[in-house]
Amino acid sequence: MESFSLILAIVVVTALAFDFTNGFHDTANAMATTISTGALKPKVAVAMSAALNLVGAFLSVEVANTISKGLVDENGIRPEVIFAALTGAILWNLLTWLVGLPSSSSHALMGGLVGATVASAGFGAVHGDMLVTKVLLPAVAAPIVAGLAAMLATRFSYGIGGKADGEATRKGYRAGQIASAGLVSLAHGTNDAQKTMGIITLALVAGGAIAPGSNPPTWVILSAGLAIALGTYIGGWRIIRTMGKGLTDLEPRQGFAAQTSAATAILASSHLGFSLSTTHVVSGSVMGAGLGRKGGVVRWSTATRMFIAWALTLPAAALVGAGAESVTDLGDWGTAVVAVFLVGASAAIWKISRREVVDHTNVVADTAEPAGVVTTAIAAVTPPPAGTVAEDLSATIPAPAVTAATATDPAPATPPAAAV
């Protein structure tokens, strides 16, 4: 049985708090498209996702080992360093949740850990090759691969099902979407819950509770799985709205293609031990599915805000982690100051979020911004099927502009019947 000091107990509790924020921050990865297309009711969707996240936590420990053994040097890392890293990760998660941006919880944790480690032990304590091969390269490659796969899968599904009965097809793809959403939830538990397992295991090694090189103990696996499942059940409704409605408009077959592509990429990465950002993968697959349908569009202003948040995640969490480590290095009172700051800042963010409540009752409300110039141009070149995005776009075009255009253009000749 591990021996615990007070600081080690604080680190474990803080790590589980991060795992909780990871759960509600990333619920959108599995369930946003399922909710937005109406395949599942919001509360049913998050309950299903929570259960499968818990199951997924027990499937592998490869990602946990990448964090606990590979990213930073275990020797010389104090528990206070890990506490500082978690402070940066939690605050970044809460800030991006507040504004509804699906940033990467994984990269927030990696950034906080790297920043705190550098502040404590210097750059030599960070394994740069592992950071590049297991974190940075997958961060760039995974969303591109998942996006291309989702785009091709969407085009294929529309190509082979173009003449199928509309209602029967929609029902079939809704069923497939539920199954693929479950697979994403399972993959998310397999990948993301392991990150908290890895950080707790690293803390136990740093505190002398277990031997260096140890795998996560069973109680660590169970507690991490329960924490991420509970956070998932709470539901990160703000980010679900952005992923489901703010980024693009999806039909059931597009949602199925997006989720299947994302789950495949995440599970493969978990098997290889890559500390992959599930947010990046799912966002890439959603955009790919949006572009895969004829006339489908992506709201690039929303996507641009997401890309900026992705680019800032690692350095922002690293700076906060480094700053927190500098304070904890002053002694027990410094650690207490960081703890009070973390609790106070978290409470303030929650208080601000109550000014505009987003929950399961209004998560599918149509709050998407009007289509921009690029979106309108793409839709004009490749008109979508009737009753989809074209109707939404037509509502954003002022009536006088349309009237003027039709008044100056000659009436088109009626095509031959065979052409119709």
Protein backbone atom coordinates (compact mmCIF):
# COMPACT_ATOMS: atom_id res chain seq x y z
CA MET A 1 0.00 0.00 0.00
CA GLU A 2 1.36 3.40 -0.99
CA SER A 3 2.38 5.87 1.72
CA PHE A 4 0.85 9.33 1.24
CA SER A 5 2.04 12.76 2.28
CA LEU A 6 -0.32 15.74 2.38
CA ILE A 7 1.07 17.24 -0.81
CA LEU A 8 0.75 13.92 -2.61
CA ALA A 9 -2.89 13.64 -1.56
CA ILE A 10 -3.50 17.19 -2.83
CA VAL A 11 -1.91 16.32 -6.16
CA VAL A 12 -4.06 13.21 -6.58
CA VAL A 13 -7.26 15.13 -5.80
CA THR A 14 -6.24 17.93 -8.19
CA ALA A 15 -5.46 15.38 -10.92
CA LEU A 16 -8.92 13.87 -10.53
CA ALA A 17 -10.39 17.39 -10.70
CA PHE A 18 -8.56 17.87 -14.00
CA ASP A 19 -9.94 14.52 -15.17
CA PHE A 20 -13.43 15.76 -14.30
CA THR A 21 -12.93 18.93 -16.39
CA ASN A 22 -11.52 16.76 -19.18
CA GLY A 23 -14.76 14.78 -19.14
CA PHE A 24 -17.18 17.67 -19.54
CA HIS A 25 -14.80 19.59 -21.79
CA ASP A 26 -14.58 16.70 -24.24
CA THR A 27 -18.13 15.31 -24.13
CA ALA A 28 -18.66 17.11 -27.42
CA ASN A 29 -16.08 14.91 -29.09
CA ALA A 30 -18.35 11.88 -28.86
CA MET A 31 -21.85 13.28 -28.73
CA ALA A 32 -22.07 16.71 -30.39
CA THR A 33 -22.98 15.41 -33.85
CA THR A 34 -25.30 12.75 -32.42
CA ILE A 35 -27.20 15.40 -30.48
CA SER A 36 -27.25 17.98 -33.28
CA THR A 37 -28.71 15.52 -35.81
CA GLY A 38 -31.33 14.29 -33.34
CA ALA A 39 -30.05 10.71 -33.22
CA LEU A 40 -30.10 10.80 -29.40
CA LYS A 41 -31.65 13.07 -26.79
CA PRO A 42 -29.01 15.20 -25.02
CA LYS A 43 -29.25 13.60 -21.56
CA VAL A 44 -29.36 10.07 -22.99
CA ALA A 45 -26.31 10.84 -25.11
CA VAL A 46 -24.13 12.07 -22.25
CA ALA A 47 -25.19 9.17 -20.00
CA MET A 48 -24.21 6.68 -22.69
CA SER A 49 -20.92 8.48 -23.27
CA ALA A 50 -20.11 8.52 -19.54
CA ALA A 51 -20.61 4.76 -19.18
CA LEU A 52 -18.42 3.98 -22.18
CA ASN A 53 -15.70 6.39 -21.03
CA LEU A 54 -15.50 4.38 -17.82
CA VAL A 55 -15.22 1.10 -19.73
CA GLY A 56 -12.58 2.54 -22.05
CA ALA A 57 -10.36 3.51 -19.12
CA PHE A 58 -9.65 -0.17 -18.46
CA LEU A 59 -8.67 -1.15 -22.00
CA SER A 60 -5.05 0.02 -22.11
CA VAL A 61 -2.27 1.81 -20.20
CA GLU A 62 0.02 2.67 -23.13
CA VAL A 63 -0.82 6.40 -23.12
CA ALA A 64 -0.49 6.51 -19.32
CA ASN A 65 3.00 5.06 -19.62
CA THR A 66 3.91 7.67 -22.24
CA ILE A 67 3.13 10.41 -19.72
CA SER A 68 4.44 8.79 -16.55
CA LYS A 69 7.62 7.34 -18.05
CA GLY A 70 8.40 9.05 -21.35
CA LEU A 71 7.61 12.77 -21.45
CA VAL A 72 9.70 14.07 -18.55
CA ASP A 73 12.47 12.68 -16.40
CA GLU A 74 10.95 10.97 -13.35
CA ASN A 75 14.06 11.59 -11.27
CA GLY A 76 14.05 14.90 -9.45
CA ILE A 77 10.40 15.77 -10.20
CA ARG A 78 8.64 16.84 -7.00
CA PRO A 79 4.88 16.45 -6.41
CA GLU A 80 4.65 20.26 -6.32
CA VAL A 81 5.76 20.34 -9.95
CA ILE A 82 2.85 18.12 -10.97
CA PHE A 83 0.45 20.24 -8.90
CA ALA A 84 1.63 23.33 -10.77
CA ALA A 85 1.19 21.53 -14.11
CA LEU A 86 -2.38 20.58 -13.22
CA THR A 87 -3.13 24.18 -12.26
CA GLY A 88 -2.25 25.39 -15.76
CA ALA A 89 -4.23 22.59 -17.41
CA ILE A 90 -7.40 23.08 -15.34
CA LEU A 91 -7.52 26.84 -15.81
CA TRP A 92 -7.07 26.53 -19.59
CA ASN A 93 -9.81 23.91 -19.77
CA LEU A 94 -12.22 26.12 -17.85
CA LEU A 95 -11.43 29.25 -19.87
CA THR A 96 -11.97 27.53 -23.23
CA TRP A 97 -15.13 25.85 -21.92
CA LEU A 98 -16.46 29.26 -20.88
CA VAL A 99 -16.18 30.60 -24.43
CA GLY A 100 -17.30 27.33 -26.00
CA LEU A 101 -14.05 26.50 -27.80
CA PRO A 102 -13.16 22.80 -28.23
CA SER A 103 -9.47 23.04 -27.34
CA SER A 104 -7.34 20.08 -26.34
CA SER A 105 -7.39 18.96 -22.68
CA SER A 106 -4.50 16.67 -23.54
CA HIS A 107 -2.30 19.48 -24.79
CA ALA A 108 -3.26 21.62 -21.79
CA LEU A 109 -1.96 18.86 -19.55
CA MET A 110 1.16 18.34 -21.65
CA GLY A 111 1.85 22.08 -21.74
CA GLY A 112 1.38 22.48 -18.00
CA LEU A 113 3.67 19.53 -17.29
CA VAL A 114 6.41 20.74 -19.64
CA GLY A 115 6.26 24.31 -18.32
CA ALA A 116 6.35 23.28 -14.66
CA THR A 117 9.16 20.77 -15.30
CA VAL A 118 11.30 23.33 -17.14
CA ALA A 119 10.76 25.86 -14.34
CA SER A 120 11.81 23.26 -11.76
CA ALA A 121 14.58 21.25 -13.41
CA GLY A 122 15.44 22.97 -16.69
CA PHE A 123 14.94 21.97 -20.31
CA GLY A 124 17.08 18.87 -19.89
CA ALA A 125 14.36 17.23 -17.80
CA VAL A 126 11.97 17.23 -20.78
CA HIS A 127 12.41 14.42 -23.32
CA GLY A 128 12.21 16.47 -26.50
CA ASP A 129 12.14 13.50 -28.87
CA MET A 130 9.16 12.01 -27.04
CA LEU A 131 7.39 15.38 -27.03
CA VAL A 132 7.80 15.69 -30.79
CA THR A 133 6.99 12.12 -31.83
CA LYS A 134 4.25 11.30 -29.33
CA VAL A 135 2.56 14.70 -28.90
CA LEU A 136 3.38 17.38 -31.50
CA LEU A 137 3.45 15.33 -34.70
CA PRO A 138 0.18 13.52 -33.92
CA ALA A 139 -1.36 16.90 -33.09
CA VAL A 140 -0.73 18.04 -36.66
CA ALA A 141 -1.27 14.78 -38.52
CA ALA A 142 -4.29 13.31 -36.74
CA PRO A 143 -6.92 15.97 -37.58
CA ILE A 144 -5.77 16.05 -41.21
CA VAL A 145 -5.95 12.27 -41.56
CA ALA A 146 -9.31 12.07 -39.78
CA GLY A 147 -10.68 14.99 -41.83
CA LEU A 148 -9.68 13.45 -45.16
CA ALA A 149 -11.08 10.07 -44.10
CA ALA A 150 -14.38 11.65 -43.04
CA MET A 151 -14.64 13.65 -46.27
CA LEU A 152 -14.05 10.57 -48.43
CA ALA A 153 -16.44 8.48 -46.33
CA THR A 154 -19.13 11.15 -46.65
CA ARG A 155 -18.77 11.38 -50.41
CA PHE A 156 -18.83 7.60 -50.68
CA SER A 157 -21.99 7.33 -48.58
CA TYR A 158 -23.79 9.95 -50.66
CA GLY A 159 -22.54 8.33 -53.84
CA ILE A 160 -23.85 4.85 -53.09
CA GLY A 161 -27.01 6.00 -51.30
CA GLY A 162 -28.13 8.78 -53.58
CA LYS A 163 -31.22 6.91 -54.81
CA ALA A 164 -32.18 5.29 -51.51
CA ASP A 165 -35.42 6.14 -49.74
CA GLY A 166 -34.81 9.29 -47.70
CA GLU A 167 -36.54 8.39 -44.42
CA ALA A 168 -35.25 4.80 -44.36
CA THR A 169 -31.73 6.03 -45.08
CA ARG A 170 -31.88 8.61 -42.30
CA LYS A 171 -33.05 6.00 -39.80
CA GLY A 172 -30.26 3.65 -40.79
CA TYR A 173 -27.59 6.30 -40.47
CA ARG A 174 -29.01 7.44 -37.12
CA ALA A 175 -28.57 3.90 -35.82
CA GLY A 176 -25.04 3.82 -37.23
CA GLN A 177 -24.37 7.21 -35.70
CA ILE A 178 -25.35 5.98 -32.24
CA ALA A 179 -23.00 3.01 -32.61
CA SER A 180 -20.12 5.16 -33.86
CA ALA A 181 -20.71 7.71 -31.07
CA GLY A 182 -20.37 4.88 -28.58
CA LEU A 183 -17.12 3.87 -30.24
CA VAL A 184 -15.78 7.44 -29.92
CA SER A 185 -16.74 7.48 -26.23
CA LEU A 186 -14.94 4.18 -25.70
CA ALA A 187 -11.89 5.53 -27.54
CA HIS A 188 -11.99 8.76 -25.52
CA GLY A 189 -11.92 6.82 -22.24
CA THR A 190 -9.08 4.70 -23.57
CA ASN A 191 -7.00 7.73 -24.52
CA ASP A 192 -7.91 10.63 -22.24
CA ALA A 193 -8.55 8.85 -18.94
CA GLN A 194 -5.07 7.38 -19.29
CA LYS A 195 -3.52 10.83 -19.23
CA THR A 196 -4.75 11.38 -15.70
CA MET A 197 -3.62 7.86 -14.79
CA GLY A 198 -0.18 8.77 -16.09
CA ILE A 199 -0.01 12.07 -14.19
CA ILE A 200 -1.08 10.42 -10.91
CA THR A 201 1.43 7.62 -11.43
CA LEU A 202 4.14 10.22 -12.06
CA ALA A 203 3.13 11.97 -8.83
CA LEU A 204 3.29 8.68 -6.90
CA VAL A 205 6.78 8.07 -8.25
CA ALA A 206 7.84 11.63 -7.44
CA GLY A 207 6.48 11.27 -3.91
CA GLY A 208 8.24 7.96 -3.36
CA ALA A 209 4.97 6.03 -3.03
CA ILE A 210 5.77 3.58 -5.84
CA ALA A 211 8.92 2.56 -7.67
CA PRO A 212 10.02 4.35 -10.86
CA GLY A 213 8.80 2.63 -14.02
CA SER A 214 5.68 1.22 -12.37
CA ASN A 215 2.39 0.87 -14.24
CA PRO A 216 -0.66 2.68 -12.86
CA PRO A 217 -2.09 0.88 -9.81
CA THR A 218 -5.62 -0.50 -10.11
CA TRP A 219 -7.11 2.16 -7.81
CA VAL A 220 -5.62 4.86 -10.05
CA ILE A 221 -7.23 3.34 -13.15
CA LEU A 222 -10.61 3.06 -11.41
CA SER A 223 -10.59 6.57 -9.92
CA ALA A 224 -9.50 8.17 -13.21
CA GLY A 225 -12.22 6.29 -15.10
CA LEU A 226 -14.89 7.37 -12.61
CA ALA A 227 -13.78 11.01 -12.64
CA ILE A 228 -13.85 11.35 -16.42
CA ALA A 229 -17.18 9.49 -16.59
CA LEU A 230 -18.76 11.85 -14.04
CA GLY A 231 -17.46 14.89 -15.90
CA THR A 232 -18.84 13.49 -19.14
CA TYR A 233 -22.27 12.98 -17.59
CA ILE A 234 -22.36 16.61 -16.41
CA GLY A 235 -22.13 17.55 -20.09
CA GLY A 236 -20.01 20.33 -21.57
CA TRP A 237 -23.02 21.89 -23.29
CA ARG A 238 -21.23 25.04 -24.47
CA ILE A 239 -18.70 23.07 -26.48
CA ILE A 240 -21.33 20.60 -27.66
CA ARG A 241 -23.20 23.54 -29.20
CA THR A 242 -20.07 24.75 -31.02
CA MET A 243 -19.17 21.30 -32.36
CA GLY A 244 -22.72 20.34 -33.27
CA LYS A 245 -24.07 23.58 -34.71
CA GLY A 246 -21.42 26.28 -34.82
CA LEU A 247 -18.84 24.57 -37.03
CA THR A 248 -20.96 23.08 -39.80
CA ASP A 249 -24.41 21.57 -40.44
CA LEU A 250 -24.43 17.78 -40.51
CA GLU A 251 -26.92 15.22 -41.67
CA PRO A 252 -26.98 11.74 -40.04
CA ARG A 253 -24.78 10.10 -42.67
CA GLN A 254 -22.21 12.86 -42.28
CA GLY A 255 -22.25 12.42 -38.51
CA PHE A 256 -21.74 8.69 -38.94
CA ALA A 257 -18.77 9.25 -41.27
CA ALA A 258 -17.21 11.83 -38.94
CA GLN A 259 -17.52 9.73 -35.80
CA THR A 260 -16.35 6.49 -37.40
CA SER A 261 -13.26 8.19 -38.83
CA ALA A 262 -12.47 9.84 -35.49
CA ALA A 263 -12.90 6.65 -33.46
CA THR A 264 -10.61 4.73 -35.79
CA ALA A 265 -7.85 7.34 -35.51
CA ILE A 266 -8.14 7.59 -31.71
CA LEU A 267 -8.13 3.85 -31.07
CA ALA A 268 -5.14 3.32 -33.36
CA SER A 269 -3.24 6.10 -31.59
CA SER A 270 -4.07 4.72 -28.15
CA HIS A 271 -2.69 1.34 -29.20
CA LEU A 272 0.55 3.01 -30.31
CA GLY A 273 0.84 5.08 -27.13
CA PHE A 274 0.36 8.47 -28.82
CA SER A 275 -0.93 11.15 -26.45
CA LEU A 276 -3.44 12.23 -29.05
CA SER A 277 -5.83 15.15 -28.79
CA THR A 278 -9.27 13.64 -29.27
CA THR A 279 -10.59 17.19 -29.73
CA HIS A 280 -8.32 17.79 -32.72
CA VAL A 281 -9.28 14.47 -34.28
CA VAL A 282 -13.03 14.92 -33.88
CA SER A 283 -12.94 18.56 -35.01
CA GLY A 284 -10.99 17.56 -38.12
CA SER A 285 -13.43 14.77 -38.92
CA VAL A 286 -16.45 17.06 -38.44
CA MET A 287 -14.98 19.61 -40.86
CA GLY A 288 -14.11 16.86 -43.33
CA ALA A 289 -17.66 15.50 -43.18
CA GLY A 290 -19.03 19.02 -43.65
CA LEU A 291 -17.00 19.48 -46.82
CA GLY A 292 -17.69 15.95 -48.05
CA ARG A 293 -21.35 16.59 -48.88
CA LYS A 294 -22.16 18.43 -52.09
CA GLY A 295 -22.84 22.01 -51.08
CA GLY A 296 -21.62 21.38 -47.55
CA VAL A 297 -19.71 24.20 -45.92
CA VAL A 298 -17.62 24.93 -42.84
CA ARG A 299 -18.02 28.15 -40.87
CA TRP A 300 -14.42 29.20 -41.17
CA SER A 301 -14.66 32.07 -38.67
CA THR A 302 -15.53 29.54 -35.95
CA ALA A 303 -12.86 27.15 -37.24
CA THR A 304 -10.28 29.96 -37.15
CA ARG A 305 -11.04 30.68 -33.50
CA MET A 306 -10.57 26.98 -32.80
CA PHE A 307 -7.22 26.89 -34.62
CA ILE A 308 -6.00 29.89 -32.61
CA ALA A 309 -7.03 28.17 -29.37
CA TRP A 310 -5.20 25.00 -30.47
CA ALA A 311 -2.02 26.96 -31.17
CA LEU A 312 -2.20 28.73 -27.80
CA THR A 313 -3.00 25.70 -25.66
CA LEU A 314 0.49 24.29 -25.14
CA PRO A 315 2.32 27.61 -24.54
CA ALA A 316 -0.47 29.13 -22.42
CA ALA A 317 -0.73 26.11 -20.12
CA ALA A 318 3.07 25.92 -19.99
CA LEU A 319 3.35 29.56 -18.87
CA VAL A 320 0.74 29.11 -16.15
CA GLY A 321 2.38 25.86 -15.05
CA ALA A 322 5.80 27.50 -14.93
CA GLY A 323 4.44 30.46 -12.96
CA ALA A 324 2.66 28.19 -10.51
CA GLU A 325 5.82 26.12 -10.04
CA SER A 326 7.82 29.27 -9.26
CA VAL A 327 5.36 30.07 -6.47
CA THR A 328 5.19 26.53 -5.05
CA ASP A 329 8.99 26.51 -4.97
CA LEU A 330 8.81 29.11 -2.19
CA GLY A 331 7.57 26.50 0.28
CA ASP A 332 4.33 25.23 1.76
CA TRP A 333 2.80 28.68 1.88
CA GLY A 334 3.52 29.09 -1.84
CA THR A 335 1.69 25.85 -2.58
CA ALA A 336 -1.22 27.12 -0.48
CA VAL A 337 -1.29 30.37 -2.47
CA VAL A 338 -1.47 28.45 -5.76
CA ALA A 339 -4.25 26.23 -4.38
CA VAL A 340 -6.29 29.26 -3.27
CA PHE A 341 -5.74 30.92 -6.64
CA LEU A 342 -6.86 27.80 -8.51
CA VAL A 343 -10.04 27.43 -6.46
CA GLY A 344 -10.84 31.16 -6.65
CA ALA A 345 -10.24 31.41 -10.40
CA SER A 346 -12.33 28.30 -11.05
CA ALA A 347 -15.20 29.67 -8.96
CA ALA A 348 -15.02 33.01 -10.80
CA ILE A 349 -15.19 31.30 -14.20
CA TRP A 350 -18.20 29.25 -13.09
CA LYS A 351 -19.91 32.42 -11.80
CA ILE A 352 -19.38 34.16 -15.14
CA SER A 353 -20.80 31.15 -16.99
CA ARG A 354 -24.10 31.54 -15.11
CA ARG A 355 -24.79 34.80 -16.93
CA GLU A 356 -25.72 32.79 -20.03
CA VAL A 357 -26.69 29.25 -19.13
CA VAL A 358 -26.29 26.57 -21.80
CA ASP A 359 -27.67 23.15 -20.89
CA HIS A 360 -29.53 20.19 -22.39
CA THR A 361 -32.66 22.30 -22.89
CA ASN A 362 -31.09 24.79 -25.31
CA VAL A 363 -27.94 23.09 -26.59
CA VAL A 364 -29.44 22.52 -30.06
CA ALA A 365 -30.76 26.07 -30.37
CA ASP A 366 -29.84 27.65 -33.69
CA THR A 367 -27.23 30.22 -32.64
CA ALA A 368 -24.94 29.81 -35.64
CA GLU A 369 -23.53 32.98 -37.11
CA PRO A 370 -24.68 34.09 -40.59
CA ALA A 371 -22.86 32.56 -43.50
CA GLY A 372 -19.86 34.55 -44.62
CA VAL A 373 -18.59 35.39 -48.10
CA VAL A 374 -16.62 32.14 -48.52
CA THR A 375 -19.49 29.99 -47.28
CA THR A 376 -22.01 31.71 -49.57
CA ALA A 377 -19.69 31.40 -52.58
CA ILE A 378 -19.09 27.69 -52.05
CA ALA A 379 -22.79 27.00 -51.66
CA ALA A 380 -23.54 28.95 -54.82
CA VAL A 381 -21.09 26.93 -56.87
CA THR A 382 -22.22 23.53 -55.53
CA PRO A 383 -25.85 23.81 -54.46
CA PRO A 384 -26.85 21.32 -51.74
CA PRO A 385 -29.91 19.10 -51.89
CA ALA A 386 -33.24 20.78 -51.25
CA GLY A 387 -34.13 21.38 -47.63
CA THR A 388 -30.57 21.59 -46.30
CA VAL A 389 -28.01 24.36 -45.99
CA ALA A 390 -29.23 26.20 -49.09
CA GLU A 391 -32.42 27.24 -47.30
CA ASP A 392 -30.39 28.59 -44.39
CA LEU A 393 -28.15 30.54 -46.75
CA SER A 394 -31.02 31.99 -48.73
CA ALA A 395 -32.39 33.47 -45.53
CA THR A 396 -29.14 35.44 -45.05
CA ILE A 397 -29.13 37.03 -48.55
CA PRO A 398 -31.04 40.36 -48.65
CA ALA A 399 -34.09 40.28 -50.88
CA PRO A 400 -33.20 43.46 -52.86
CA ALA A 401 -29.86 42.00 -53.94
CA VAL A 402 -31.56 38.89 -55.25
CA THR A 403 -34.22 40.96 -57.01
CA ALA A 404 -31.60 43.14 -58.69
CA ALA A 405 -29.70 40.12 -59.91
CA THR A 406 -32.75 38.49 -61.39
CA ALA A 407 -33.83 41.76 -62.97
CA THR A 408 -30.61 42.24 -64.91
CA ASP A 409 -29.97 38.65 -65.97
CA PRO A 410 -31.86 37.31 -69.00
CA ALA A 411 -34.23 34.44 -68.33
CA PRO A 412 -32.52 31.09 -68.95
CA ALA A 413 -33.76 28.96 -71.74
CA THR A 414 -35.89 25.98 -70.74
CA PRO A 415 -33.73 22.83 -70.99
CA PRO A 416 -34.88 19.87 -73.03
CA ALA A 417 -36.90 17.29 -71.14
CA ALA A 418 -34.14 14.70 -71.44
CA ALA A 419 -31.68 17.02 -69.73
CA VAL A 420 -34.05 17.45 -66.80
